[in-house]
């Protein structure tokens, strides 16, 4: 059985586009392909999982956030060849729409860097995960 590298068939990757209050959650990838790139959180679909179940599991494992995965909103192929032209990685990636259900801590979270990217009138603002992964603050009233 082939592994992630030099597979004998395409692998299914599943991710979740998690948006809250106008911000999108990204994680810094820890492994190949695309090591250290900022990306939608996700990973490989396991045998017997639906796309929604896989996305929910991956996001919980990577971020500690419980999501509700909806319908697919983006699909693409990712093919990476080595210097000899052999296929090193081949993924079919399906990204799901997702909403935040519960924000918590998960033991594996410390391995992953999180950032939240928000767009305001001046352009893109990068936050260290605070806007999305922290519980929302209670509204304040001025007296």
N, C-alpha and C. Protein backbone atom coordinates (compact mmCIF):
# COMPACT_ATOMS: atom_id res chain seq x y z
N UNK A 1 0.85 -1.19 0.00
CA UNK A 1 0.00 0.00 0.00
C UNK A 1 0.88 1.24 0.00
N UNK A 2 0.62 2.13 -0.89
CA UNK A 2 1.39 3.36 -1.02
C UNK A 2 0.96 4.36 0.07
N UNK A 3 1.87 5.26 0.42
CA UNK A 3 1.58 6.26 1.44
C UNK A 3 1.20 7.59 0.80
N UNK A 4 1.37 8.65 1.55
CA UNK A 4 1.06 9.98 1.05
C UNK A 4 1.99 10.36 -0.09
N UNK A 5 3.27 10.01 0.08
CA UNK A 5 4.23 10.30 -0.99
C UNK A 5 4.25 9.13 -1.96
N UNK A 6 4.32 9.46 -3.24
CA UNK A 6 4.36 8.48 -4.32
C UNK A 6 3.19 7.49 -4.21
N UNK A 7 1.96 8.02 -4.21
CA UNK A 7 0.79 7.16 -4.06
C UNK A 7 0.52 6.36 -5.34
N UNK A 8 -0.27 5.30 -5.19
CA UNK A 8 -0.67 4.54 -6.37
C UNK A 8 -2.06 4.95 -6.85
N UNK A 9 -2.68 5.89 -6.14
CA UNK A 9 -3.96 6.46 -6.55
C UNK A 9 -4.12 7.83 -5.87
N UNK A 10 -5.00 8.69 -6.40
CA UNK A 10 -5.20 10.00 -5.77
C UNK A 10 -5.75 9.84 -4.35
N UNK A 11 -5.37 10.76 -3.49
CA UNK A 11 -5.88 10.83 -2.12
C UNK A 11 -6.95 11.92 -2.08
N UNK A 12 -7.93 11.77 -1.19
CA UNK A 12 -8.96 12.80 -1.02
C UNK A 12 -8.58 13.65 0.18
N UNK A 13 -8.42 14.94 -0.07
CA UNK A 13 -8.17 15.90 1.00
C UNK A 13 -9.45 16.67 1.26
N UNK A 14 -9.75 16.94 2.52
CA UNK A 14 -10.96 17.68 2.87
C UNK A 14 -10.57 18.81 3.81
N UNK A 15 -11.14 19.98 3.58
CA UNK A 15 -10.87 21.13 4.43
C UNK A 15 -12.16 21.86 4.74
N UNK A 16 -12.04 22.88 5.57
CA UNK A 16 -13.21 23.67 5.93
C UNK A 16 -12.88 25.14 5.84
N UNK A 17 -13.74 25.88 5.18
CA UNK A 17 -13.63 27.33 5.11
C UNK A 17 -14.45 27.85 6.28
N UNK A 18 -13.73 28.22 7.34
CA UNK A 18 -14.37 28.65 8.59
C UNK A 18 -14.33 30.18 8.63
N UNK A 19 -15.51 30.78 8.53
CA UNK A 19 -15.62 32.24 8.54
C UNK A 19 -16.50 32.65 9.71
N UNK A 20 -16.00 33.65 10.45
CA UNK A 20 -16.77 34.19 11.56
C UNK A 20 -16.49 35.67 11.66
N UNK A 21 -17.54 36.45 11.71
CA UNK A 21 -17.44 37.90 11.83
C UNK A 21 -16.53 38.49 10.76
N UNK A 22 -16.64 37.99 9.53
CA UNK A 22 -15.87 38.52 8.41
C UNK A 22 -14.43 38.07 8.34
N UNK A 23 -14.03 37.14 9.20
CA UNK A 23 -12.65 36.66 9.21
C UNK A 23 -12.62 35.19 8.82
N UNK A 24 -11.55 34.78 8.16
CA UNK A 24 -11.37 33.39 7.76
C UNK A 24 -10.19 32.79 8.51
N UNK A 25 -10.34 31.55 8.95
CA UNK A 25 -9.30 30.85 9.70
C UNK A 25 -8.34 30.15 8.74
N UNK A 26 -7.05 30.36 8.95
CA UNK A 26 -6.01 29.66 8.20
C UNK A 26 -5.04 29.03 9.20
N UNK A 27 -4.40 27.94 8.78
CA UNK A 27 -3.38 27.29 9.60
C UNK A 27 -2.09 27.24 8.80
N UNK A 28 -0.98 27.25 9.51
CA UNK A 28 0.30 27.11 8.83
C UNK A 28 0.60 25.62 8.73
N UNK A 29 0.75 25.15 7.50
CA UNK A 29 0.94 23.72 7.26
C UNK A 29 2.26 23.25 7.86
N UNK A 30 2.20 22.10 8.52
CA UNK A 30 3.38 21.55 9.16
C UNK A 30 4.09 20.48 8.35
N UNK A 31 3.42 19.95 7.33
CA UNK A 31 4.01 18.86 6.55
C UNK A 31 3.82 19.05 5.07
N UNK A 32 4.53 18.23 4.31
CA UNK A 32 4.45 18.28 2.86
C UNK A 32 3.10 17.72 2.39
N UNK A 33 2.62 18.16 1.27
CA UNK A 33 3.16 19.25 0.46
C UNK A 33 2.82 20.62 1.06
N UNK A 34 3.47 21.63 0.57
CA UNK A 34 3.22 23.04 0.95
C UNK A 34 3.56 23.33 2.41
N UNK A 35 4.63 22.74 2.92
CA UNK A 35 5.09 22.98 4.29
C UNK A 35 5.26 24.48 4.54
N UNK A 36 4.74 24.93 5.69
CA UNK A 36 4.81 26.31 6.17
C UNK A 36 3.94 27.31 5.42
N UNK A 37 3.19 26.88 4.42
CA UNK A 37 2.25 27.77 3.75
C UNK A 37 1.00 27.92 4.61
N UNK A 38 0.36 29.07 4.51
CA UNK A 38 -0.92 29.30 5.19
C UNK A 38 -2.02 28.76 4.30
N UNK A 39 -2.93 27.97 4.91
CA UNK A 39 -3.96 27.29 4.12
C UNK A 39 -5.22 27.09 4.95
N UNK A 40 -6.28 26.73 4.26
CA UNK A 40 -7.52 26.31 4.90
C UNK A 40 -7.19 25.05 5.72
N UNK A 41 -7.64 24.94 6.96
CA UNK A 41 -7.34 23.73 7.74
C UNK A 41 -8.03 22.50 7.16
N UNK A 42 -7.36 21.38 7.24
CA UNK A 42 -7.94 20.13 6.74
C UNK A 42 -6.90 19.05 6.64
N UNK A 43 -7.27 17.94 6.04
CA UNK A 43 -6.36 16.81 5.90
C UNK A 43 -7.00 15.72 5.07
N UNK A 44 -6.49 14.50 5.23
CA UNK A 44 -6.98 13.38 4.42
C UNK A 44 -8.28 12.81 4.96
N UNK A 45 -9.16 12.50 4.04
CA UNK A 45 -10.41 11.83 4.37
C UNK A 45 -10.11 10.38 4.72
N UNK A 46 -10.73 9.88 5.77
CA UNK A 46 -10.54 8.49 6.19
C UNK A 46 -11.62 7.61 5.55
N UNK A 47 -11.29 6.36 5.38
CA UNK A 47 -12.23 5.39 4.83
C UNK A 47 -13.49 5.35 5.70
N UNK A 48 -14.64 5.47 5.07
CA UNK A 48 -15.92 5.42 5.78
C UNK A 48 -16.44 6.77 6.25
N UNK A 49 -15.64 7.83 6.14
CA UNK A 49 -16.09 9.17 6.55
C UNK A 49 -16.81 9.86 5.41
N UNK A 50 -17.82 10.64 5.75
CA UNK A 50 -18.39 11.55 4.77
C UNK A 50 -17.47 12.77 4.70
N UNK A 51 -17.65 13.60 3.68
CA UNK A 51 -16.87 14.83 3.58
C UNK A 51 -17.07 15.70 4.81
N UNK A 52 -18.32 15.81 5.26
CA UNK A 52 -18.61 16.64 6.43
C UNK A 52 -17.92 16.08 7.67
N UNK A 53 -17.99 14.77 7.89
CA UNK A 53 -17.35 14.17 9.06
C UNK A 53 -15.84 14.37 9.03
N UNK A 54 -15.25 14.19 7.87
CA UNK A 54 -13.81 14.37 7.74
C UNK A 54 -13.38 15.79 8.02
N UNK A 55 -14.12 16.76 7.49
CA UNK A 55 -13.79 18.16 7.73
C UNK A 55 -13.92 18.50 9.22
N UNK A 56 -14.99 18.04 9.84
CA UNK A 56 -15.21 18.32 11.26
C UNK A 56 -14.11 17.70 12.11
N UNK A 57 -13.71 16.48 11.83
CA UNK A 57 -12.64 15.82 12.58
C UNK A 57 -11.32 16.55 12.40
N UNK A 58 -10.97 16.85 11.15
CA UNK A 58 -9.68 17.50 10.88
C UNK A 58 -9.57 18.86 11.55
N UNK A 59 -10.62 19.66 11.50
CA UNK A 59 -10.56 21.00 12.08
C UNK A 59 -10.47 20.88 13.61
N UNK A 60 -11.18 19.96 14.22
CA UNK A 60 -11.07 19.75 15.66
C UNK A 60 -9.66 19.32 16.03
N UNK A 61 -9.09 18.37 15.29
CA UNK A 61 -7.74 17.90 15.59
C UNK A 61 -6.70 19.01 15.45
N UNK A 62 -6.86 19.84 14.42
CA UNK A 62 -5.84 20.86 14.14
C UNK A 62 -6.00 22.11 14.98
N UNK A 63 -7.22 22.48 15.32
CA UNK A 63 -7.45 23.79 15.92
C UNK A 63 -8.13 23.78 17.28
N UNK A 64 -8.81 22.70 17.62
CA UNK A 64 -9.60 22.68 18.85
C UNK A 64 -10.96 23.31 18.67
N UNK A 65 -11.31 23.66 17.45
CA UNK A 65 -12.61 24.29 17.16
C UNK A 65 -13.57 23.23 16.64
N UNK A 66 -14.77 23.17 17.23
CA UNK A 66 -15.82 22.28 16.74
C UNK A 66 -16.60 23.06 15.70
N UNK A 67 -16.67 22.49 14.50
CA UNK A 67 -17.40 23.17 13.42
C UNK A 67 -18.58 22.31 12.98
N UNK A 68 -19.47 22.93 12.25
CA UNK A 68 -20.51 22.21 11.53
C UNK A 68 -20.21 22.41 10.05
N UNK A 69 -19.80 21.35 9.39
CA UNK A 69 -19.46 21.42 7.97
C UNK A 69 -20.73 21.33 7.15
N UNK A 70 -20.80 22.19 6.14
CA UNK A 70 -21.95 22.21 5.24
C UNK A 70 -21.62 21.55 3.92
N UNK A 71 -21.98 22.22 2.86
CA UNK A 71 -21.80 21.70 1.51
C UNK A 71 -20.43 22.07 0.95
N UNK A 72 -19.95 21.31 -0.04
CA UNK A 72 -18.70 21.67 -0.71
C UNK A 72 -18.83 23.02 -1.40
N UNK A 73 -17.78 23.85 -1.27
CA UNK A 73 -17.79 25.15 -1.94
C UNK A 73 -16.62 25.33 -2.88
N UNK A 74 -15.64 24.40 -2.83
CA UNK A 74 -14.48 24.51 -3.71
C UNK A 74 -13.86 23.13 -3.87
N UNK A 75 -13.48 22.81 -5.09
CA UNK A 75 -12.74 21.56 -5.34
C UNK A 75 -11.58 21.86 -6.28
N UNK A 76 -10.50 21.11 -6.12
CA UNK A 76 -9.36 21.28 -7.02
C UNK A 76 -8.49 20.03 -6.99
N UNK A 77 -7.60 19.94 -7.95
CA UNK A 77 -6.58 18.89 -7.99
C UNK A 77 -5.27 19.50 -7.53
N UNK A 78 -4.49 18.71 -6.82
CA UNK A 78 -3.15 19.13 -6.42
C UNK A 78 -2.19 18.01 -6.78
N UNK A 79 -1.39 18.25 -7.80
CA UNK A 79 -0.40 17.28 -8.27
C UNK A 79 0.99 17.87 -8.10
N UNK A 80 1.86 17.15 -7.43
CA UNK A 80 3.24 17.59 -7.24
C UNK A 80 4.13 16.49 -7.78
N UNK A 81 5.00 16.86 -8.71
CA UNK A 81 5.94 15.90 -9.30
C UNK A 81 7.34 16.15 -8.76
N UNK A 82 8.13 15.10 -8.71
CA UNK A 82 9.52 15.25 -8.28
C UNK A 82 10.38 15.64 -9.48
N UNK A 83 11.68 15.76 -9.26
CA UNK A 83 12.61 16.18 -10.31
C UNK A 83 12.67 15.24 -11.50
N UNK A 84 12.26 14.00 -11.31
CA UNK A 84 12.26 13.02 -12.39
C UNK A 84 10.91 12.91 -13.09
N UNK A 85 9.95 13.74 -12.66
CA UNK A 85 8.63 13.73 -13.28
C UNK A 85 7.65 12.74 -12.68
N UNK A 86 8.07 12.00 -11.65
CA UNK A 86 7.16 11.06 -11.00
C UNK A 86 6.20 11.82 -10.08
N UNK A 87 5.00 11.30 -9.92
CA UNK A 87 4.02 11.95 -9.06
C UNK A 87 4.38 11.68 -7.60
N UNK A 88 4.74 12.76 -6.90
CA UNK A 88 5.10 12.67 -5.49
C UNK A 88 3.86 12.76 -4.60
N UNK A 89 2.96 13.69 -4.93
CA UNK A 89 1.69 13.84 -4.22
C UNK A 89 0.58 14.03 -5.25
N UNK A 90 -0.57 13.46 -4.98
CA UNK A 90 -1.75 13.69 -5.82
C UNK A 90 -2.98 13.68 -4.92
N UNK A 91 -3.56 14.88 -4.76
CA UNK A 91 -4.75 15.03 -3.95
C UNK A 91 -5.89 15.60 -4.79
N UNK A 92 -7.08 15.15 -4.51
CA UNK A 92 -8.30 15.81 -4.95
C UNK A 92 -8.83 16.46 -3.67
N UNK A 93 -8.91 17.78 -3.69
CA UNK A 93 -9.23 18.54 -2.46
C UNK A 93 -10.65 19.08 -2.55
N UNK A 94 -11.40 18.87 -1.48
CA UNK A 94 -12.77 19.37 -1.38
C UNK A 94 -12.84 20.23 -0.12
N UNK A 95 -13.12 21.51 -0.29
CA UNK A 95 -13.28 22.41 0.85
C UNK A 95 -14.77 22.63 1.10
N UNK A 96 -15.13 22.54 2.37
CA UNK A 96 -16.52 22.63 2.79
C UNK A 96 -16.79 23.98 3.44
N UNK A 97 -18.00 24.50 3.25
CA UNK A 97 -18.43 25.67 4.03
C UNK A 97 -18.58 25.20 5.47
N UNK A 98 -18.25 26.06 6.43
CA UNK A 98 -18.33 25.64 7.83
C UNK A 98 -18.68 26.79 8.74
N UNK A 99 -19.36 26.46 9.82
CA UNK A 99 -19.64 27.46 10.86
C UNK A 99 -19.07 26.96 12.17
N UNK A 100 -18.72 27.90 13.04
CA UNK A 100 -18.15 27.57 14.35
C UNK A 100 -19.28 27.17 15.28
N UNK A 101 -19.10 26.03 15.94
CA UNK A 101 -20.07 25.55 16.93
C UNK A 101 -19.55 25.79 18.35
N UNK A 102 -18.32 25.34 18.63
CA UNK A 102 -17.74 25.45 19.96
C UNK A 102 -16.26 25.76 19.80
N UNK A 103 -15.78 26.71 20.59
CA UNK A 103 -14.36 27.03 20.59
C UNK A 103 -13.78 26.44 21.85
N UNK A 104 -12.78 25.59 21.69
CA UNK A 104 -12.18 24.95 22.85
C UNK A 104 -10.72 24.68 22.60
N UNK A 105 -10.14 23.93 23.48
CA UNK A 105 -8.74 23.55 23.33
C UNK A 105 -8.68 22.06 23.07
N UNK A 106 -7.76 21.68 22.23
CA UNK A 106 -7.55 20.27 21.91
C UNK A 106 -6.07 19.99 22.11
N UNK A 107 -5.71 18.82 22.59
CA UNK A 107 -4.30 18.53 22.86
C UNK A 107 -3.37 18.76 21.67
N UNK A 108 -3.86 18.56 20.46
CA UNK A 108 -2.99 18.70 19.30
C UNK A 108 -2.87 20.14 18.82
N UNK A 109 -3.67 21.05 19.37
CA UNK A 109 -3.69 22.43 18.87
C UNK A 109 -2.33 23.10 18.92
N UNK A 110 -1.56 22.81 19.94
CA UNK A 110 -0.27 23.50 20.11
C UNK A 110 0.70 23.21 18.98
N UNK A 111 0.46 22.20 18.17
CA UNK A 111 1.35 21.89 17.05
C UNK A 111 1.09 22.80 15.85
N UNK A 112 -0.05 23.46 15.82
CA UNK A 112 -0.49 24.19 14.64
C UNK A 112 -0.51 25.69 14.94
N UNK A 113 0.01 26.49 14.02
CA UNK A 113 -0.11 27.94 14.15
C UNK A 113 -1.39 28.38 13.45
N UNK A 114 -2.16 29.20 14.13
CA UNK A 114 -3.42 29.72 13.60
C UNK A 114 -3.30 31.20 13.33
N UNK A 115 -3.93 31.65 12.29
CA UNK A 115 -4.07 33.08 12.05
C UNK A 115 -5.47 33.31 11.50
N UNK A 116 -5.98 34.48 11.76
CA UNK A 116 -7.26 34.88 11.23
C UNK A 116 -7.02 36.03 10.27
N UNK A 117 -7.55 35.92 9.08
CA UNK A 117 -7.39 36.96 8.08
C UNK A 117 -8.73 37.65 7.90
N UNK A 118 -8.73 38.96 8.08
CA UNK A 118 -9.95 39.75 7.98
C UNK A 118 -9.74 40.85 6.95
N UNK A 119 -10.80 41.24 6.30
CA UNK A 119 -10.72 42.34 5.34
C UNK A 119 -11.49 43.51 5.92
N UNK A 120 -10.82 44.66 5.96
CA UNK A 120 -11.51 45.87 6.38
C UNK A 120 -11.37 46.91 5.26
N UNK A 121 -11.72 48.13 5.53
CA UNK A 121 -11.67 49.16 4.49
C UNK A 121 -10.26 49.43 3.99
N UNK A 122 -9.26 49.18 4.82
CA UNK A 122 -7.87 49.43 4.42
C UNK A 122 -7.24 48.23 3.71
N UNK A 123 -7.91 47.09 3.72
CA UNK A 123 -7.36 45.90 3.07
C UNK A 123 -7.39 44.71 4.00
N UNK A 124 -6.42 43.82 3.85
CA UNK A 124 -6.37 42.60 4.65
C UNK A 124 -5.63 42.87 5.96
N UNK A 125 -6.22 42.43 7.05
CA UNK A 125 -5.62 42.56 8.37
C UNK A 125 -5.35 41.15 8.87
N UNK A 126 -4.17 40.91 9.40
CA UNK A 126 -3.81 39.60 9.92
C UNK A 126 -3.79 39.67 11.44
N UNK A 127 -4.51 38.78 12.07
CA UNK A 127 -4.55 38.70 13.52
C UNK A 127 -3.98 37.35 13.93
N UNK A 128 -3.42 37.25 15.11
CA UNK A 128 -2.88 35.97 15.58
C UNK A 128 -3.98 35.07 16.10
N UNK A 129 -4.97 34.82 15.27
CA UNK A 129 -6.02 33.89 15.63
C UNK A 129 -7.07 34.45 16.57
N UNK A 130 -6.87 35.65 17.09
CA UNK A 130 -7.74 36.14 18.14
C UNK A 130 -9.18 36.35 17.70
N UNK A 131 -9.41 36.86 16.51
CA UNK A 131 -10.77 37.19 16.11
C UNK A 131 -11.63 35.95 15.94
N UNK A 132 -11.03 34.85 15.56
CA UNK A 132 -11.84 33.67 15.30
C UNK A 132 -11.77 32.64 16.41
N UNK A 133 -10.62 32.43 16.99
CA UNK A 133 -10.47 31.33 17.92
C UNK A 133 -10.71 31.71 19.37
N UNK A 134 -10.92 32.98 19.66
CA UNK A 134 -11.27 33.39 21.01
C UNK A 134 -12.79 33.50 21.09
N UNK A 135 -13.37 33.17 22.24
CA UNK A 135 -14.80 33.34 22.37
C UNK A 135 -15.17 34.80 22.14
N UNK A 136 -16.32 35.05 21.53
CA UNK A 136 -16.70 36.44 21.28
C UNK A 136 -16.85 37.21 22.60
N UNK A 137 -16.45 38.47 22.56
CA UNK A 137 -16.56 39.31 23.75
C UNK A 137 -18.01 39.79 23.88
N UNK A 138 -18.43 39.94 25.10
CA UNK A 138 -19.77 40.45 25.33
C UNK A 138 -19.84 41.90 24.86
N UNK A 139 -20.95 42.29 24.24
CA UNK A 139 -21.06 43.67 23.79
C UNK A 139 -21.04 44.63 24.98
N UNK A 140 -20.45 45.79 24.75
CA UNK A 140 -20.41 46.80 25.80
C UNK A 140 -21.33 47.94 25.42
N UNK A 141 -21.88 48.59 26.42
CA UNK A 141 -22.74 49.75 26.17
C UNK A 141 -22.10 50.96 26.80
N UNK A 142 -22.19 52.07 26.10
CA UNK A 142 -21.71 53.29 26.72
C UNK A 142 -22.88 53.94 27.44
N UNK A 143 -22.59 54.51 28.57
CA UNK A 143 -23.64 55.10 29.39
C UNK A 143 -23.60 56.59 29.28
